[in-house]
Amino acid sequence: MPCPALPDGFDFTDPDLLQDRVPLPEFAQLRQTEPVRWIDQPRGISGFDDAGYWAVTRHADVKYVSTHPELFSSNLNTAVIRFNETISRDQIEVQKLIMLNMDPPEHTRVRQIVQRGFTPRSIRSLEDALRNRAHSIVETALANAAPDGSFDFVTNVAVELPLQAIAELIGVPQEDRTKIFDWSNKMAAYDDPEYAITEEVGTEAAMEIVSYAMNLAAARKECPAKDIVSQLVAAEDEGNLSGDEFGFFVILLAVAGNETTRNAITHGMHAFLTHPEQWELFKRERPQTTAEEIVRWATPVVSFQRTATQDTELGGVQIKKGDRVGLFYSSANNDPEVFDEPGEFDISRDPNPHLGFGGGGPHFCLGKSLAVVEINLIFNAIADALPDLRLVSDPRRLRSAWLNGVKELQVSTG
């Protein structure tokens, strides 16, 4: 039975829709009536030569697709559910060099190398430096606020710690972090006319990152240091990354590790300021469950996709080989079959089996531990230095087909 909540032409990946809101009511209706539903698209509008995709909205089904890469490929059409009609197939094919868009066994090989940089010991070694940087970021935002105490939370706070964490992780000089920010913005914001970014500009930005990273890798091969770059590239014949593989890994870090954590922090601050009882609870008790609830609430990546490798069944629906399947994490993270009162922001929520870091399987977020550390550190710093922060205006959202992004969030200390 067709879902009555969806008018003709409704598309969960419409960037105009996501600039306005995350379609939680429509997700709720689909979970109840048609949890795996075909969504028509004009051919080519998303960059793919097909007529649409299957929207997967239940938590259990998103997990199933995520944990069965033999049935649902990240590589065939990449994990990005919608580019736009100007992208060429050749440009899509290049993106398959990024780990996010690989399948086992190649994905397994690259991930086993890259995860050396994300061991608990590696993350702990960054924590003290990042704690100091978090406090410095908040103090600088306060010092640079307008006379009335107002400032943009996104550019003055949320952006900074993820960038500095990436710089710290791979040995990028802190003064170069703004380059990473600019390049990653150009890659992720191609749907937003405010940035006037074309696919060509986005591709150029990606190549700038690859070139920068390859130069960094070459320098470490020549003169190894005690950092992750040396661990990943210095002895290529011993199972390490080649220079270009390292370059595409840094692209993944720049977008997956920067854009997502930045938006989680921004949505988290907005949630605190619109749920003052939760902000008071955080300031008083600093629950260890906070970061996980912020990620569930924010779900910075609304969706990724997979492509069926064979005819199969999902949620009682027949999926044909070659069909694209959209994994809607924003819907899964609000599934009442899994979460009590999912529409409530509750930093004490435990357990919290959200899919904000992916649905499990080979593509579960490699940087989860680092993201949790960053979120905890920045909100501890904000609570210490800016406990009376207040909201000035509603967030200005990013126009994107798959990111739950915020461009601006005006707050004030006054």
Protein backbone atom coordinates (compact mmCIF):
# COMPACT_ATOMS: atom_id res chain seq x y z
CA MET A 1 0.00 0.00 0.00
CA PRO A 2 1.45 3.39 -0.95
CA CYS A 3 2.53 5.51 1.98
CA PRO A 4 -0.03 8.33 2.40
CA ALA A 5 2.54 10.67 3.98
CA LEU A 6 4.59 10.97 0.79
CA PRO A 7 3.25 13.17 -2.01
CA ASP A 8 4.17 12.35 -5.59
CA GLY A 9 7.80 13.18 -6.28
CA PHE A 10 8.85 13.21 -2.62
CA ASP A 11 12.56 12.37 -2.38
CA PHE A 12 14.47 11.96 0.90
CA THR A 13 17.68 13.05 -0.86
CA ASP A 14 16.27 16.34 -2.19
CA PRO A 15 18.84 18.93 -1.04
CA ASP A 16 16.11 21.59 -0.80
CA LEU A 17 14.27 19.37 1.67
CA LEU A 18 17.35 18.77 3.83
CA GLN A 19 18.21 22.45 3.79
CA ASP A 20 14.85 23.03 5.45
CA ARG A 21 14.62 20.02 7.79
CA VAL A 22 15.31 16.34 8.37
CA PRO A 23 12.04 14.62 7.30
CA LEU A 24 11.39 12.77 10.58
CA PRO A 25 7.57 12.61 10.20
CA GLU A 26 7.88 11.00 6.78
CA PHE A 27 10.47 8.54 8.11
CA ALA A 28 8.10 7.61 10.94
CA GLN A 29 5.26 6.96 8.50
CA LEU A 30 7.46 4.75 6.32
CA ARG A 31 8.73 2.72 9.27
CA GLN A 32 5.11 1.90 10.11
CA THR A 33 3.65 1.33 6.66
CA GLU A 34 6.40 0.65 4.11
CA PRO A 35 9.84 0.37 5.74
CA VAL A 36 11.53 -0.48 2.44
CA ARG A 37 10.04 1.76 -0.22
CA TRP A 38 11.00 2.59 -3.80
CA ILE A 39 11.64 6.31 -4.35
CA ASP A 40 11.39 7.51 -7.94
CA GLN A 41 13.97 9.96 -9.26
CA PRO A 42 14.32 11.55 -12.69
CA ARG A 43 17.05 9.62 -14.46
CA GLY A 44 20.48 11.14 -13.91
CA ILE A 45 19.44 13.72 -11.31
CA SER A 46 21.62 12.10 -8.64
CA GLY A 47 24.48 11.29 -10.99
CA PHE A 48 23.31 7.70 -11.56
CA ASP A 49 21.72 6.32 -14.71
CA ASP A 50 18.72 4.75 -13.00
CA ALA A 51 15.18 5.61 -11.96
CA GLY A 52 15.64 5.89 -8.19
CA TYR A 53 16.51 3.94 -5.05
CA TRP A 54 15.02 1.92 -2.19
CA ALA A 55 14.61 3.90 1.05
CA VAL A 56 15.45 1.73 4.08
CA THR A 57 14.10 3.30 7.26
CA ARG A 58 14.02 0.71 10.08
CA HIS A 59 16.96 0.28 12.43
CA ALA A 60 17.05 -3.52 11.95
CA ASP A 61 17.05 -3.28 8.15
CA VAL A 62 19.77 -0.61 8.06
CA LYS A 63 21.91 -2.88 10.25
CA TYR A 64 21.22 -5.88 8.03
CA VAL A 65 22.32 -4.10 4.85
CA SER A 66 25.39 -2.67 6.60
CA THR A 67 26.56 -6.07 7.82
CA HIS A 68 26.10 -7.94 4.53
CA PRO A 69 28.60 -6.40 2.11
CA GLU A 70 28.46 -9.53 -0.06
CA LEU A 71 24.83 -8.59 -0.88
CA PHE A 72 25.08 -4.81 -0.72
CA SER A 73 28.15 -3.16 -2.25
CA SER A 74 29.69 0.19 -1.33
CA ASN A 75 31.90 0.04 -4.42
CA LEU A 76 29.54 -0.38 -7.36
CA ASN A 77 28.03 3.12 -7.13
CA THR A 78 29.95 4.48 -4.09
CA ALA A 79 28.37 5.17 -0.70
CA VAL A 80 27.21 8.70 -1.60
CA ILE A 81 23.51 8.48 -2.34
CA ARG A 82 23.24 11.61 -4.44
CA PHE A 83 25.75 13.72 -6.31
CA ASN A 84 24.04 15.87 -8.93
CA GLU A 85 23.28 15.78 -12.61
CA THR A 86 26.51 17.53 -13.61
CA ILE A 87 28.86 14.81 -12.34
CA SER A 88 30.33 12.39 -14.87
CA ARG A 89 30.62 8.66 -14.36
CA ASP A 90 34.41 9.03 -14.56
CA GLN A 91 34.31 11.41 -11.60
CA ILE A 92 32.25 8.88 -9.64
CA GLU A 93 34.70 6.11 -10.52
CA VAL A 94 37.63 8.11 -9.09
CA GLN A 95 35.85 8.20 -5.73
CA LYS A 96 36.12 4.43 -5.51
CA LEU A 97 39.73 4.95 -4.40
CA ILE A 98 38.42 6.25 -1.04
CA MET A 99 38.09 3.58 1.65
CA LEU A 100 34.44 4.49 2.27
CA ASN A 101 33.67 3.30 -1.26
CA MET A 102 35.56 -0.01 -1.16
CA ASP A 103 34.31 -3.55 -0.58
CA PRO A 104 36.13 -6.47 1.04
CA PRO A 105 38.75 -7.77 0.50
CA GLU A 106 40.36 -4.48 -0.68
CA HIS A 107 38.56 -2.54 2.03
CA THR A 108 39.79 -5.05 4.62
CA ARG A 109 43.40 -4.61 3.52
CA VAL A 110 43.32 -0.81 3.64
CA ARG A 111 41.37 -0.64 6.89
CA GLN A 112 43.77 -3.00 8.67
CA ILE A 113 46.59 -0.61 7.83
CA VAL A 114 44.75 2.63 8.60
CA GLN A 115 43.38 1.47 11.95
CA ARG A 116 46.92 1.55 13.37
CA GLY A 117 46.35 5.26 13.84
CA PHE A 118 43.13 4.77 15.79
CA THR A 119 44.17 2.38 18.54
CA PRO A 120 43.10 3.28 22.10
CA ARG A 121 46.73 4.13 22.82
CA SER A 122 46.89 6.48 19.82
CA ILE A 123 43.70 8.27 20.87
CA ARG A 124 44.89 8.58 24.48
CA SER A 125 48.13 10.11 23.26
CA LEU A 126 46.14 12.91 21.58
CA GLU A 127 43.77 13.59 24.45
CA ASP A 128 45.87 15.96 26.56
CA ALA A 129 46.80 18.11 23.55
CA LEU A 130 43.18 18.21 22.39
CA ARG A 131 41.94 19.10 25.88
CA ASN A 132 44.22 22.13 25.91
CA ARG A 133 43.14 23.06 22.39
CA ALA A 134 39.44 22.76 23.33
CA HIS A 135 39.86 25.23 26.19
CA SER A 136 41.88 27.56 23.95
CA ILE A 137 39.20 27.46 21.24
CA VAL A 138 36.44 28.41 23.67
CA GLU A 139 38.50 31.16 25.30
CA THR A 140 39.37 32.60 21.88
CA ALA A 141 35.70 32.55 20.83
CA LEU A 142 34.84 34.47 24.00
CA ALA A 143 37.64 36.99 23.46
CA ASN A 144 36.62 37.61 19.84
CA ALA A 145 32.87 37.88 20.46
CA ALA A 146 31.02 41.01 19.40
CA PRO A 147 30.49 43.73 22.02
CA ASP A 148 27.07 42.26 22.83
CA GLY A 149 28.70 38.86 23.43
CA SER A 150 27.41 37.22 20.23
CA PHE A 151 29.37 35.00 17.86
CA ASP A 152 28.87 32.25 15.31
CA PHE A 153 29.27 28.94 17.12
CA VAL A 154 30.04 27.01 13.91
CA THR A 155 33.06 28.97 12.71
CA ASN A 156 34.37 29.98 16.14
CA VAL A 157 33.96 26.72 18.06
CA ALA A 158 32.55 23.67 16.23
CA VAL A 159 34.89 23.86 13.24
CA GLU A 160 38.11 24.18 15.16
CA LEU A 161 38.60 21.06 17.29
CA PRO A 162 37.93 18.48 14.52
CA LEU A 163 40.38 20.33 12.27
CA GLN A 164 43.01 20.49 14.99
CA ALA A 165 42.47 16.81 15.82
CA ILE A 166 43.10 15.82 12.19
CA ALA A 167 46.14 18.08 12.07
CA GLU A 168 47.43 16.53 15.29
CA LEU A 169 46.67 12.99 14.11
CA ILE A 170 48.52 13.12 10.80
CA GLY A 171 51.14 15.75 11.57
CA VAL A 172 49.73 18.61 9.53
CA PRO A 173 51.11 21.92 10.81
CA GLN A 174 48.41 23.77 12.71
CA GLU A 175 48.78 26.74 10.40
CA ASP A 176 47.69 24.52 7.48
CA ARG A 177 44.45 23.41 9.12
CA THR A 178 42.47 26.19 7.40
CA LYS A 179 43.48 24.69 4.05
CA ILE A 180 41.96 21.36 5.10
CA PHE A 181 38.80 23.20 6.20
CA ASP A 182 38.49 25.03 2.89
CA TRP A 183 39.14 21.93 0.79
CA SER A 184 36.71 19.74 2.74
CA ASN A 185 33.99 22.42 2.54
CA LYS A 186 34.37 22.55 -1.23
CA MET A 187 34.05 18.77 -1.49
CA ALA A 188 30.97 18.53 0.73
CA ALA A 189 29.04 21.73 -0.11
CA TYR A 190 28.55 21.33 -3.85
CA ASP A 191 24.75 21.42 -3.45
CA ASP A 192 24.65 24.76 -1.63
CA PRO A 193 24.45 27.80 -3.95
CA GLU A 194 25.75 30.09 -1.20
CA TYR A 195 29.16 28.51 -1.70
CA ALA A 196 28.87 28.51 -5.52
CA ILE A 197 30.76 25.23 -5.63
CA THR A 198 30.66 23.21 -8.85
CA GLU A 199 31.61 19.56 -9.25
CA GLU A 200 34.80 20.78 -10.95
CA VAL A 201 35.73 22.96 -7.96
CA GLY A 202 34.99 20.07 -5.62
CA THR A 203 37.17 17.76 -7.69
CA GLU A 204 39.98 20.31 -7.69
CA ALA A 205 39.72 20.57 -3.89
CA ALA A 206 39.95 16.79 -3.60
CA MET A 207 43.05 16.77 -5.76
CA GLU A 208 44.57 19.53 -3.62
CA ILE A 209 44.13 17.34 -0.55
CA VAL A 210 45.58 14.31 -2.32
CA SER A 211 48.57 16.33 -3.51
CA TYR A 212 49.14 17.82 -0.05
CA ALA A 213 48.90 14.40 1.59
CA MET A 214 51.17 12.71 -0.95
CA ASN A 215 53.83 15.36 -0.34
CA LEU A 216 53.47 14.74 3.39
CA ALA A 217 53.79 10.99 2.83
CA ALA A 218 56.87 11.43 0.63
CA ALA A 219 58.52 13.56 3.32
CA ARG A 220 57.88 10.89 5.97
CA LYS A 221 59.23 8.13 3.74
CA GLU A 222 62.39 10.16 3.32
CA CYS A 223 62.60 11.05 7.00
CA PRO A 224 60.27 9.00 9.26
CA ALA A 225 58.96 10.63 12.42
CA LYS A 226 57.06 9.34 15.44
CA ASP A 227 53.64 9.99 13.95
CA ILE A 228 50.82 8.16 12.21
CA VAL A 229 51.96 9.17 8.73
CA SER A 230 55.24 7.34 9.21
CA GLN A 231 53.38 4.30 10.55
CA LEU A 232 51.11 4.20 7.52
CA VAL A 233 53.52 4.93 4.66
CA ALA A 234 57.16 4.61 5.67
CA ALA A 235 57.54 0.92 4.82
CA GLU A 236 55.19 0.32 1.92
CA ASP A 237 56.59 -3.15 1.18
CA GLU A 238 55.63 -4.21 4.71
CA GLY A 239 51.93 -3.73 4.13
CA ASN A 240 51.65 0.03 4.43
CA LEU A 241 49.81 2.53 2.26
CA SER A 242 51.15 3.84 -1.00
CA GLY A 243 51.41 7.61 -1.37
CA ASP A 244 48.19 7.90 -3.36
CA GLU A 245 46.32 5.56 -0.98
CA PHE A 246 47.39 7.81 1.88
CA GLY A 247 46.17 10.81 -0.09
CA PHE A 248 42.69 9.34 -0.48
CA PHE A 249 42.69 8.38 3.21
CA VAL A 250 43.25 12.04 4.09
CA ILE A 251 40.27 12.96 1.87
CA LEU A 252 38.18 10.59 3.97
CA LEU A 253 39.51 12.17 7.16
CA ALA A 254 38.81 15.66 5.86
CA VAL A 255 35.16 14.93 5.15
CA ALA A 256 34.20 12.03 7.43
CA GLY A 257 36.33 13.18 10.35
CA ASN A 258 35.80 16.90 9.98
CA GLU A 259 32.36 17.65 8.56
CA THR A 260 30.59 15.01 10.65
CA THR A 261 32.13 15.84 14.04
CA ARG A 262 31.74 19.57 13.41
CA ASN A 263 28.03 19.12 12.72
CA ALA A 264 27.55 16.79 15.69
CA ILE A 265 29.05 19.48 17.95
CA THR A 266 26.85 22.19 16.41
CA HIS A 267 23.64 20.16 16.68
CA GLY A 268 24.65 19.18 20.21
CA MET A 269 25.01 22.81 21.26
CA HIS A 270 21.68 23.68 19.69
CA ALA A 271 20.07 20.73 21.49
CA PHE A 272 21.49 21.85 24.82
CA LEU A 273 20.31 25.43 24.33
CA THR A 274 16.79 24.30 23.40
CA HIS A 275 16.71 21.72 26.22
CA PRO A 276 18.04 23.77 29.13
CA GLU A 277 17.38 21.03 31.67
CA GLN A 278 19.83 18.82 29.77
CA TRP A 279 22.43 21.61 29.75
CA GLU A 280 22.03 21.98 33.52
CA LEU A 281 22.40 18.22 33.92
CA PHE A 282 25.53 18.21 31.80
CA LYS A 283 27.14 21.10 33.65
CA ARG A 284 26.38 19.43 36.96
CA GLU A 285 27.23 15.76 36.25
CA ARG A 286 29.10 15.53 32.90
CA PRO A 287 27.59 12.09 32.06
CA GLN A 288 29.80 9.78 30.02
CA THR A 289 26.76 8.94 27.87
CA THR A 290 26.54 12.50 26.52
CA ALA A 291 28.53 12.17 23.30
CA GLU A 292 26.63 9.11 22.13
CA GLU A 293 23.28 10.88 22.57
CA ILE A 294 24.56 13.96 20.76
CA VAL A 295 25.57 11.79 17.79
CA ARG A 296 22.21 9.95 17.82
CA TRP A 297 20.31 13.24 18.02
CA ALA A 298 22.39 14.94 15.34
CA THR A 299 22.99 11.99 12.99
CA PRO A 300 25.35 14.14 10.88
CA VAL A 301 25.14 11.76 7.90
CA VAL A 302 21.46 11.42 7.05
CA SER A 303 22.12 8.59 4.61
CA PHE A 304 24.59 6.55 2.63
CA GLN A 305 23.82 3.96 -0.01
CA ARG A 306 24.68 0.45 -1.11
CA THR A 307 24.04 -1.34 -4.42
CA ALA A 308 22.57 -4.85 -4.56
CA THR A 309 25.06 -7.38 -5.95
CA GLN A 310 22.32 -9.94 -6.66
CA ASP A 311 18.56 -10.36 -6.47
CA THR A 312 17.64 -10.47 -2.79
CA GLU A 313 14.89 -9.67 -0.29
CA LEU A 314 14.82 -6.97 2.35
CA GLY A 315 11.94 -6.21 4.68
CA GLY A 316 9.62 -8.38 2.61
CA VAL A 317 10.49 -6.50 -0.59
CA GLN A 318 12.27 -7.92 -3.63
CA ILE A 319 15.45 -6.01 -4.43
CA LYS A 320 16.93 -6.54 -7.89
CA LYS A 321 20.62 -6.81 -8.70
CA GLY A 322 21.94 -3.32 -9.46
CA ASP A 323 19.29 -1.48 -7.44
CA ARG A 324 20.55 1.28 -5.18
CA VAL A 325 19.55 1.03 -1.52
CA GLY A 326 19.49 4.12 0.72
CA LEU A 327 20.38 3.61 4.38
CA PHE A 328 18.62 6.38 6.30
CA TYR A 329 20.45 6.64 9.60
CA SER A 330 18.32 9.60 10.70
CA SER A 331 15.29 7.34 10.53
CA ALA A 332 16.99 4.35 12.18
CA ASN A 333 18.12 6.56 15.08
CA ASN A 334 14.51 7.53 15.75
CA ASP A 335 13.05 4.02 15.55
CA PRO A 336 10.73 3.53 18.56
CA GLU A 337 11.26 -0.23 18.27
CA VAL A 338 14.81 0.43 19.51
CA PHE A 339 14.70 3.72 21.45
CA ASP A 340 12.31 4.78 24.22
CA GLU A 341 11.02 8.28 23.44
CA PRO A 342 13.39 8.79 20.47
CA GLY A 343 12.14 12.35 20.03
CA GLU A 344 13.57 13.31 23.42
CA PHE A 345 17.14 14.60 23.78
CA ASP A 346 18.38 12.65 26.79
CA ILE A 347 22.11 12.69 27.58
CA SER A 348 21.58 9.94 30.18
CA ARG A 349 20.24 7.52 27.54
CA ASP A 350 21.75 4.10 28.18
CA PRO A 351 21.92 1.80 26.33
CA ASN A 352 22.09 3.81 23.13
CA PRO A 353 22.53 1.51 20.10
CA HIS A 354 22.36 4.36 17.58
CA LEU A 355 23.71 4.07 14.05
CA GLY A 356 25.28 7.52 13.88
CA PHE A 357 28.67 5.88 13.36
CA GLY A 358 27.24 3.45 10.80
CA GLY A 359 25.22 0.28 11.02
CA GLY A 360 28.08 -2.03 11.94
CA GLY A 361 29.89 -4.24 9.48
CA PRO A 362 33.09 -3.34 7.61
CA HIS A 363 32.30 0.37 7.33
CA PHE A 364 31.62 1.08 11.00
CA CYS A 365 33.27 4.44 11.69
CA LEU A 366 36.99 3.99 12.25
CA GLY A 367 37.24 7.30 14.08
CA LYS A 368 34.39 6.77 16.54
CA SER A 369 36.64 6.87 19.62
CA LEU A 370 38.31 10.07 18.46
CA ALA A 371 34.96 11.72 17.71
CA VAL A 372 33.63 10.84 21.17
CA VAL A 373 36.76 12.29 22.78
CA GLU A 374 36.42 15.52 20.76
CA ILE A 375 32.74 15.95 21.63
CA ASN A 376 33.35 15.34 25.34
CA LEU A 377 36.32 17.71 25.44
CA ILE A 378 34.65 20.60 23.65
CA PHE A 379 31.47 20.49 25.74
CA ASN A 380 33.46 20.23 28.95
CA ALA A 381 35.38 23.35 27.86
CA ILE A 382 32.16 25.18 26.95
CA ALA A 383 30.52 24.26 30.27
CA ASP A 384 33.59 25.52 32.15
CA ALA A 385 34.07 28.81 30.29
CA LEU A 386 30.64 29.63 28.82
CA PRO A 387 28.08 28.06 31.19
CA ASP A 388 25.45 30.73 30.46
CA LEU A 389 25.62 30.59 26.67
CA ARG A 390 22.26 31.29 25.05
CA LEU A 391 20.75 30.95 21.60
CA VAL A 392 20.40 34.08 19.47
CA SER A 393 18.79 32.65 16.32
CA ASP A 394 17.81 29.40 14.65
CA PRO A 395 20.56 27.50 12.83
CA ARG A 396 21.11 28.14 9.14
CA ARG A 397 21.18 24.75 7.50
CA LEU A 398 23.41 23.47 4.70
CA ARG A 399 21.81 22.56 1.39
CA SER A 400 22.96 18.96 0.99
CA ALA A 401 21.55 15.68 -0.26
CA TRP A 402 23.03 13.56 2.53
CA LEU A 403 24.60 15.71 5.27
CA ASN A 404 22.66 17.10 8.22
CA GLY A 405 24.79 20.23 8.11
CA VAL A 406 24.65 23.64 9.79
CA LYS A 407 26.41 26.68 8.31
CA GLU A 408 25.74 29.15 11.09
CA LEU A 409 24.51 29.12 14.68
CA GLN A 410 24.45 32.50 16.40
CA VAL A 411 24.89 32.32 20.19
CA SER A 412 25.69 34.86 22.88
CA THR A 413 27.38 35.06 26.24
CA GLY A 414 25.42 38.20 27.11
